[in-house]
Amino acid sequence: MTAAITRRAALGAALAAPVLGVARAQGRPITLVVPYAPGGGTDQTAREFAHSFSEALGGQTVVVENRGGAGGHIGSVSVARARPDGTTLLFAVSTNLVVNPHVHRGDVDLITALAPVAQITSYQYVLVIDPRLPVRNLQELIAWVRAQPRGTVTYSSGGVGNANHLAGVLFADATRLEMEHVPYRGTAPALLDVVAGRIAMNFSSPPPAIPLAREGRLRAIAVTGDRRMPTIADIPTLAEAGLPGVSITGWHGIFAPAGTPPELLDRFEAAARAAAAAPRFAGRLETDGLEPSPLRSRAQWFTAVREEHGFWGRKIAELNLRLE
């Protein structure tokens, strides 16, 4: 009799543990890690998302924390090493998962050390230049770069392996141009040096670049996707500007440390989808030149992430890309 009661009590405790874990997690603040410096496109999007995400979680506090460095790798690894208790999440860009693991060697495999929650956006990049350059369109830019002393034209990025670094690498490969890459600790400082005239160009995520282009502090030359951005509809795609066959896109997504209970991942996925569809956030995406993510489960999305990871592993080897 006593043994039976003990077994039933143990079974009840085991069944209740996930529920209690979710309940405890619901009461604690969530740290949403942005693996870049404040002020860049990812930071801006994450902060807007955090507001809607908090509402979708019933008012649970969501605190954005910037942990920049190494093209987003430092912040990503910190989340992978965090306790899988639902209190730490990563607001990632595609390159954090599909590029950085190939160029930053270490003991953490982000593809297995992070669990997918939900894709939040899809986006393309904006090629912006120092407006003082004697260049008005893509063909003039290519001709100007070729006329400069070899390797003296610079482009900036938020760090080695960062999305705008890889966009620059693919552009240089497609045009057979030699340019000097200058990495920073985030897109915001990388863009500001283009504004200051110290760097020639940047392949920026849309949110920080579009306002600067509208103010005339940067000049937008092209967008890198398959179609124009409605918010800057006068700017052509690379293909329209004379560089067919080149399309460079990315995404934002939420990840948790591997081992996070499925019940928490389900809760976060549902809240993330609701937050991404909220009118305030959806309106911000349109203003910033970002797009909603495709409707697919986190398992389907992570299958696509793994495929991207494989593609970039091959591409990085082909281009002989190394840490600088």
Protein backbone atom coordinates (compact mmCIF):
# COMPACT_ATOMS: atom_id res chain seq x y z
CA MET A 1 0.00 0.00 0.00
CA THR A 2 2.71 2.48 0.99
CA ALA A 3 4.85 1.49 -2.00
CA ALA A 4 1.90 1.99 -4.38
CA ILE A 5 1.21 5.43 -2.95
CA THR A 6 4.89 6.33 -3.27
CA ARG A 7 4.96 5.21 -6.91
CA ARG A 8 1.80 7.20 -7.68
CA ALA A 9 3.27 10.26 -5.99
CA ALA A 10 6.49 9.94 -7.97
CA LEU A 11 4.56 9.53 -11.23
CA GLY A 12 2.42 12.55 -10.42
CA ALA A 13 5.49 14.64 -9.71
CA ALA A 14 7.09 13.58 -12.98
CA LEU A 15 3.96 14.47 -14.95
CA ALA A 16 3.63 17.80 -13.17
CA ALA A 17 7.26 18.82 -13.66
CA PRO A 18 6.88 20.20 -17.23
CA VAL A 19 3.74 22.12 -16.22
CA LEU A 20 5.46 23.57 -13.18
CA GLY A 21 8.50 24.43 -15.32
CA VAL A 22 6.32 26.35 -17.77
CA ALA A 23 4.51 28.08 -14.93
CA ARG A 24 7.77 29.15 -13.32
CA ALA A 25 9.15 30.36 -16.67
CA GLN A 26 6.01 32.43 -17.27
CA GLY A 27 6.74 34.45 -14.16
CA ARG A 28 10.36 35.32 -14.96
CA PRO A 29 11.70 38.02 -17.28
CA ILE A 30 13.00 36.79 -20.63
CA THR A 31 16.34 38.08 -21.88
CA LEU A 32 16.21 38.43 -25.67
CA VAL A 33 19.84 38.53 -26.78
CA VAL A 34 20.74 40.59 -29.84
CA PRO A 35 24.26 39.52 -30.87
CA TYR A 36 25.18 42.95 -32.26
CA ALA A 37 25.82 46.48 -31.06
CA PRO A 38 22.84 48.77 -30.37
CA GLY A 39 21.38 50.79 -33.21
CA GLY A 40 21.79 48.35 -36.11
CA GLY A 41 19.00 46.78 -38.13
CA THR A 42 18.79 43.61 -36.05
CA ASP A 43 18.70 45.62 -32.82
CA GLN A 44 15.94 47.89 -34.12
CA THR A 45 13.81 44.98 -35.30
CA ALA A 46 14.37 43.01 -32.09
CA ARG A 47 13.30 45.91 -29.89
CA GLU A 48 10.09 46.40 -31.85
CA PHE A 49 9.45 42.66 -31.79
CA ALA A 50 10.10 42.43 -28.03
CA HIS A 51 7.18 44.77 -27.35
CA SER A 52 4.72 42.62 -29.33
CA PHE A 53 6.26 39.39 -28.02
CA SER A 54 5.74 40.52 -24.43
CA GLU A 55 2.09 41.28 -25.16
CA ALA A 56 1.62 37.88 -26.84
CA LEU A 57 3.10 36.22 -23.73
CA GLY A 58 0.46 37.82 -21.55
CA GLY A 59 2.59 40.72 -20.39
CA GLN A 60 5.66 38.72 -19.42
CA THR A 61 8.70 41.02 -19.31
CA VAL A 62 11.05 40.76 -22.31
CA VAL A 63 14.38 42.57 -21.96
CA VAL A 64 16.60 43.13 -25.02
CA GLU A 65 20.30 42.72 -24.27
CA ASN A 66 23.07 43.48 -26.78
CA ARG A 67 26.05 41.10 -26.77
CA GLY A 68 28.01 42.08 -29.86
CA GLY A 69 31.27 40.81 -31.28
CA ALA A 70 32.69 38.39 -33.85
CA GLY A 71 29.90 39.01 -36.36
CA GLY A 72 27.21 37.92 -33.93
CA HIS A 73 29.01 34.76 -32.85
CA ILE A 74 29.76 35.80 -29.25
CA GLY A 75 26.13 36.55 -28.41
CA SER A 76 24.89 33.43 -30.19
CA VAL A 77 27.27 31.17 -28.28
CA SER A 78 26.29 32.81 -24.99
CA VAL A 79 22.66 31.80 -25.59
CA ALA A 80 23.69 28.29 -26.61
CA ARG A 81 25.48 27.98 -23.24
CA ALA A 82 22.62 29.45 -21.21
CA ARG A 83 20.35 27.37 -18.98
CA PRO A 84 17.52 25.88 -21.09
CA ASP A 85 14.85 27.19 -18.75
CA GLY A 86 13.03 29.61 -21.03
CA THR A 87 14.62 32.77 -19.64
CA THR A 88 17.19 33.36 -22.42
CA LEU A 89 16.42 33.54 -26.14
CA LEU A 90 18.42 34.62 -29.19
CA PHE A 91 17.17 37.10 -31.80
CA ALA A 92 19.33 35.86 -34.66
CA VAL A 93 20.00 36.71 -38.27
CA SER A 94 20.56 33.93 -40.77
CA THR A 95 24.35 34.21 -40.83
CA ASN A 96 24.61 33.52 -37.09
CA LEU A 97 23.50 29.94 -37.76
CA VAL A 98 24.44 29.24 -41.37
CA VAL A 99 27.76 31.11 -41.80
CA ASN A 100 29.45 31.77 -38.46
CA PRO A 101 29.86 28.09 -37.52
CA HIS A 102 32.04 27.67 -40.62
CA VAL A 103 34.37 30.59 -39.90
CA HIS A 104 34.50 30.65 -36.09
CA ARG A 105 36.00 27.41 -34.89
CA GLY A 106 35.18 26.41 -31.33
CA ASP A 107 33.61 23.82 -29.11
CA VAL A 108 30.00 24.93 -29.69
CA ASP A 109 28.09 23.72 -32.76
CA LEU A 110 25.25 26.23 -32.98
CA ILE A 111 23.20 24.01 -35.27
CA THR A 112 22.89 21.46 -32.47
CA ALA A 113 23.37 23.75 -29.44
CA LEU A 114 20.36 25.96 -30.31
CA ALA A 115 16.71 24.96 -30.72
CA PRO A 116 14.55 26.78 -33.28
CA VAL A 117 11.51 28.69 -32.06
CA ALA A 118 10.19 30.67 -35.04
CA GLN A 119 11.27 32.64 -38.09
CA ILE A 120 10.22 36.28 -37.70
CA THR A 121 11.11 38.08 -40.95
CA SER A 122 12.58 37.71 -44.40
CA TYR A 123 14.62 40.53 -45.90
CA GLN A 124 17.07 41.66 -48.52
CA TYR A 125 19.93 44.15 -48.32
CA VAL A 126 20.44 47.69 -49.58
CA LEU A 127 23.69 48.61 -51.29
CA VAL A 128 24.48 52.10 -50.00
CA ILE A 129 27.52 54.25 -50.76
CA ASP A 130 29.19 57.43 -49.62
CA PRO A 131 27.10 60.08 -51.44
CA ARG A 132 30.28 62.09 -52.16
CA LEU A 133 31.45 59.40 -54.59
CA PRO A 134 31.05 60.31 -58.29
CA VAL A 135 28.58 57.45 -58.73
CA ARG A 136 24.84 57.42 -59.44
CA ASN A 137 24.06 53.81 -60.38
CA LEU A 138 25.44 50.29 -60.15
CA GLN A 139 27.31 50.29 -63.45
CA GLU A 140 29.03 53.57 -62.56
CA LEU A 141 29.96 52.10 -59.16
CA ILE A 142 31.51 49.01 -60.75
CA ALA A 143 33.44 51.15 -63.24
CA TRP A 144 34.64 53.48 -60.47
CA VAL A 145 35.90 50.60 -58.31
CA ARG A 146 37.81 49.14 -61.25
CA ALA A 147 39.44 52.51 -61.89
CA GLN A 148 40.84 52.77 -58.34
CA PRO A 149 44.18 51.31 -57.23
CA ARG A 150 43.76 47.60 -56.63
CA GLY A 151 42.28 46.73 -53.22
CA THR A 152 41.89 50.32 -52.03
CA VAL A 153 38.08 50.53 -52.19
CA THR A 154 36.52 49.59 -48.86
CA TYR A 155 33.21 48.12 -47.76
CA SER A 156 32.14 47.77 -44.14
CA SER A 157 30.18 45.16 -42.24
CA GLY A 158 29.00 44.31 -38.75
CA GLY A 159 31.82 41.76 -38.43
CA VAL A 160 33.45 38.83 -40.17
CA GLY A 161 30.74 36.37 -41.18
CA ASN A 162 28.06 39.01 -40.70
CA ALA A 163 25.25 39.16 -43.25
CA ASN A 164 26.49 42.36 -44.86
CA HIS A 165 30.01 40.95 -45.00
CA LEU A 166 28.79 37.92 -46.96
CA ALA A 167 26.67 40.13 -49.21
CA GLY A 168 29.84 42.08 -50.03
CA VAL A 169 31.76 38.86 -50.66
CA LEU A 170 29.11 37.57 -53.07
CA PHE A 171 28.91 40.94 -54.84
CA ALA A 172 32.68 41.12 -55.27
CA ASP A 173 32.72 37.54 -56.56
CA ALA A 174 29.93 38.21 -59.06
CA THR A 175 31.51 41.43 -60.37
CA ARG A 176 35.15 40.24 -60.14
CA LEU A 177 36.00 43.31 -58.09
CA GLU A 178 38.72 43.49 -55.45
CA MET A 179 37.60 45.41 -52.38
CA GLU A 180 38.91 45.70 -48.84
CA HIS A 181 36.57 44.44 -46.12
CA VAL A 182 36.51 46.49 -42.89
CA PRO A 183 34.64 44.73 -40.05
CA TYR A 184 32.94 46.54 -37.15
CA ARG A 185 31.08 45.41 -34.03
CA GLY A 186 27.68 46.05 -35.60
CA THR A 187 25.90 47.50 -38.62
CA ALA A 188 25.31 50.91 -37.01
CA PRO A 189 29.01 51.83 -36.58
CA ALA A 190 29.77 50.25 -39.96
CA LEU A 191 27.21 52.52 -41.62
CA LEU A 192 28.30 55.63 -39.77
CA ASP A 193 31.78 55.39 -41.26
CA VAL A 194 30.22 55.29 -44.74
CA VAL A 195 28.29 58.44 -43.79
CA ALA A 196 31.57 59.99 -42.57
CA GLY A 197 33.33 59.17 -45.84
CA ARG A 198 35.86 56.79 -44.30
CA ILE A 199 34.30 53.74 -46.04
CA ALA A 200 33.01 53.59 -49.62
CA MET A 201 30.01 51.28 -49.28
CA ASN A 202 27.94 48.87 -47.20
CA PHE A 203 25.41 46.13 -47.92
CA SER A 204 23.04 47.03 -45.10
CA SER A 205 19.92 45.51 -43.68
CA PRO A 206 17.10 47.93 -44.54
CA PRO A 207 16.07 49.48 -41.17
CA PRO A 208 19.18 51.60 -40.45
CA ALA A 209 20.04 52.34 -44.10
CA ILE A 210 16.72 53.58 -45.46
CA PRO A 211 16.36 56.63 -43.15
CA LEU A 212 19.97 57.66 -43.83
CA ALA A 213 19.40 57.33 -47.58
CA ARG A 214 16.22 59.41 -47.37
CA GLU A 215 18.15 62.11 -45.50
CA GLY A 216 20.84 62.12 -48.22
CA ARG A 217 23.55 60.94 -45.81
CA LEU A 218 23.87 57.74 -47.84
CA ARG A 219 23.09 56.98 -51.47
CA ALA A 220 21.11 53.81 -52.19
CA ILE A 221 22.28 52.14 -55.41
CA ALA A 222 20.46 48.79 -55.49
CA VAL A 223 18.56 46.23 -53.43
CA THR A 224 19.72 42.63 -53.42
CA GLY A 225 16.49 40.62 -53.65
CA ASP A 226 14.34 39.46 -56.52
CA ARG A 227 11.98 42.44 -56.39
CA ARG A 228 12.06 46.07 -55.34
CA MET A 229 11.25 47.21 -51.82
CA PRO A 230 7.95 49.13 -51.68
CA THR A 231 9.43 51.64 -49.22
CA ILE A 232 12.18 52.63 -51.70
CA ALA A 233 10.49 51.60 -54.92
CA ASP A 234 12.71 53.86 -57.04
CA ILE A 235 15.81 51.78 -56.19
CA PRO A 236 16.36 48.89 -58.65
CA THR A 237 17.31 45.32 -57.87
CA LEU A 238 20.81 44.15 -58.73
CA ALA A 239 19.36 42.33 -61.75
CA GLU A 240 17.53 45.43 -62.97
CA ALA A 241 20.72 47.46 -62.48
CA GLY A 242 22.70 45.14 -64.75
CA LEU A 243 23.85 42.26 -62.53
CA PRO A 244 21.53 39.34 -63.34
CA GLY A 245 21.55 36.09 -61.42
CA VAL A 246 22.59 37.63 -58.10
CA SER A 247 20.07 37.58 -55.24
CA ILE A 248 21.11 37.92 -51.60
CA THR A 249 18.52 37.57 -48.83
CA GLY A 250 18.36 36.82 -45.11
CA TRP A 251 16.00 36.34 -42.18
CA HIS A 252 15.51 37.03 -38.49
CA GLY A 253 14.53 34.22 -36.14
CA ILE A 254 14.18 33.24 -32.50
CA PHE A 255 16.24 30.42 -30.95
CA ALA A 256 16.47 28.91 -27.48
CA PRO A 257 19.22 26.84 -25.86
CA ALA A 258 19.00 23.18 -26.87
CA GLY A 259 17.25 21.19 -24.18
CA THR A 260 14.55 23.80 -23.57
CA PRO A 261 11.34 21.85 -22.76
CA PRO A 262 9.05 21.35 -25.78
CA GLU A 263 6.18 22.91 -23.84
CA LEU A 264 8.14 26.15 -23.59
CA LEU A 265 9.18 26.02 -27.25
CA ASP A 266 5.52 25.55 -28.22
CA ARG A 267 4.49 28.51 -26.08
CA PHE A 268 7.25 30.73 -27.48
CA GLU A 269 6.49 29.69 -31.06
CA ALA A 270 2.80 30.55 -30.72
CA ALA A 271 3.63 33.89 -29.09
CA ALA A 272 6.29 34.72 -31.68
CA ARG A 273 3.87 34.05 -34.53
CA ALA A 274 1.22 36.21 -32.88
CA ALA A 275 3.78 38.98 -32.27
CA ALA A 276 5.02 38.90 -35.87
CA ALA A 277 1.44 39.22 -37.13
CA ALA A 278 0.49 42.04 -34.73
CA PRO A 279 -0.47 45.22 -36.63
CA ARG A 280 2.15 47.36 -34.88
CA PHE A 281 5.03 45.01 -35.73
CA ALA A 282 3.75 44.18 -39.22
CA GLY A 283 3.47 47.90 -39.95
CA ARG A 284 7.02 48.46 -38.74
CA LEU A 285 8.28 45.69 -41.04
CA GLU A 286 6.71 47.40 -44.04
CA THR A 287 8.17 50.77 -43.09
CA ASP A 288 11.63 49.27 -42.57
CA GLY A 289 11.67 47.33 -45.83
CA LEU A 290 11.36 43.90 -44.20
CA GLU A 291 8.89 41.16 -45.08
CA PRO A 292 6.84 38.67 -43.03
CA SER A 293 8.29 35.19 -42.79
CA PRO A 294 6.76 32.27 -44.70
CA LEU A 295 4.12 30.27 -42.82
CA ARG A 296 5.83 27.04 -41.79
CA SER A 297 6.45 25.08 -38.62
CA ARG A 298 9.67 25.44 -36.68
CA ALA A 299 10.69 21.95 -37.84
CA GLN A 300 10.19 22.90 -41.50
CA TRP A 301 12.05 26.15 -40.98
CA PHE A 302 14.99 24.41 -39.31
CA THR A 303 15.23 22.00 -42.23
CA ALA A 304 15.72 25.04 -44.46
CA VAL A 305 18.27 26.46 -41.99
CA ARG A 306 20.30 23.24 -42.20
CA GLU A 307 20.22 23.42 -46.00
CA GLU A 308 21.50 27.01 -45.89
CA HIS A 309 24.20 25.89 -43.45
CA GLY A 310 25.37 23.28 -45.96
CA PHE A 311 25.33 25.75 -48.86
CA TRP A 312 27.48 28.26 -46.99
CA GLY A 313 29.91 25.59 -45.89
CA ARG A 314 30.57 24.81 -49.55
CA LYS A 315 30.59 28.48 -50.62
CA ILE A 316 33.03 29.56 -47.91
CA ALA A 317 35.42 26.79 -48.92
CA GLU A 318 35.06 27.77 -52.59
CA LEU A 319 35.79 31.45 -51.86
CA ASN A 320 38.54 30.55 -49.38
CA LEU A 321 36.97 32.85 -46.81
CA ARG A 322 39.01 33.17 -43.61
CA LEU A 323 38.88 35.11 -40.38
CA GLU A 324 40.66 38.47 -40.79
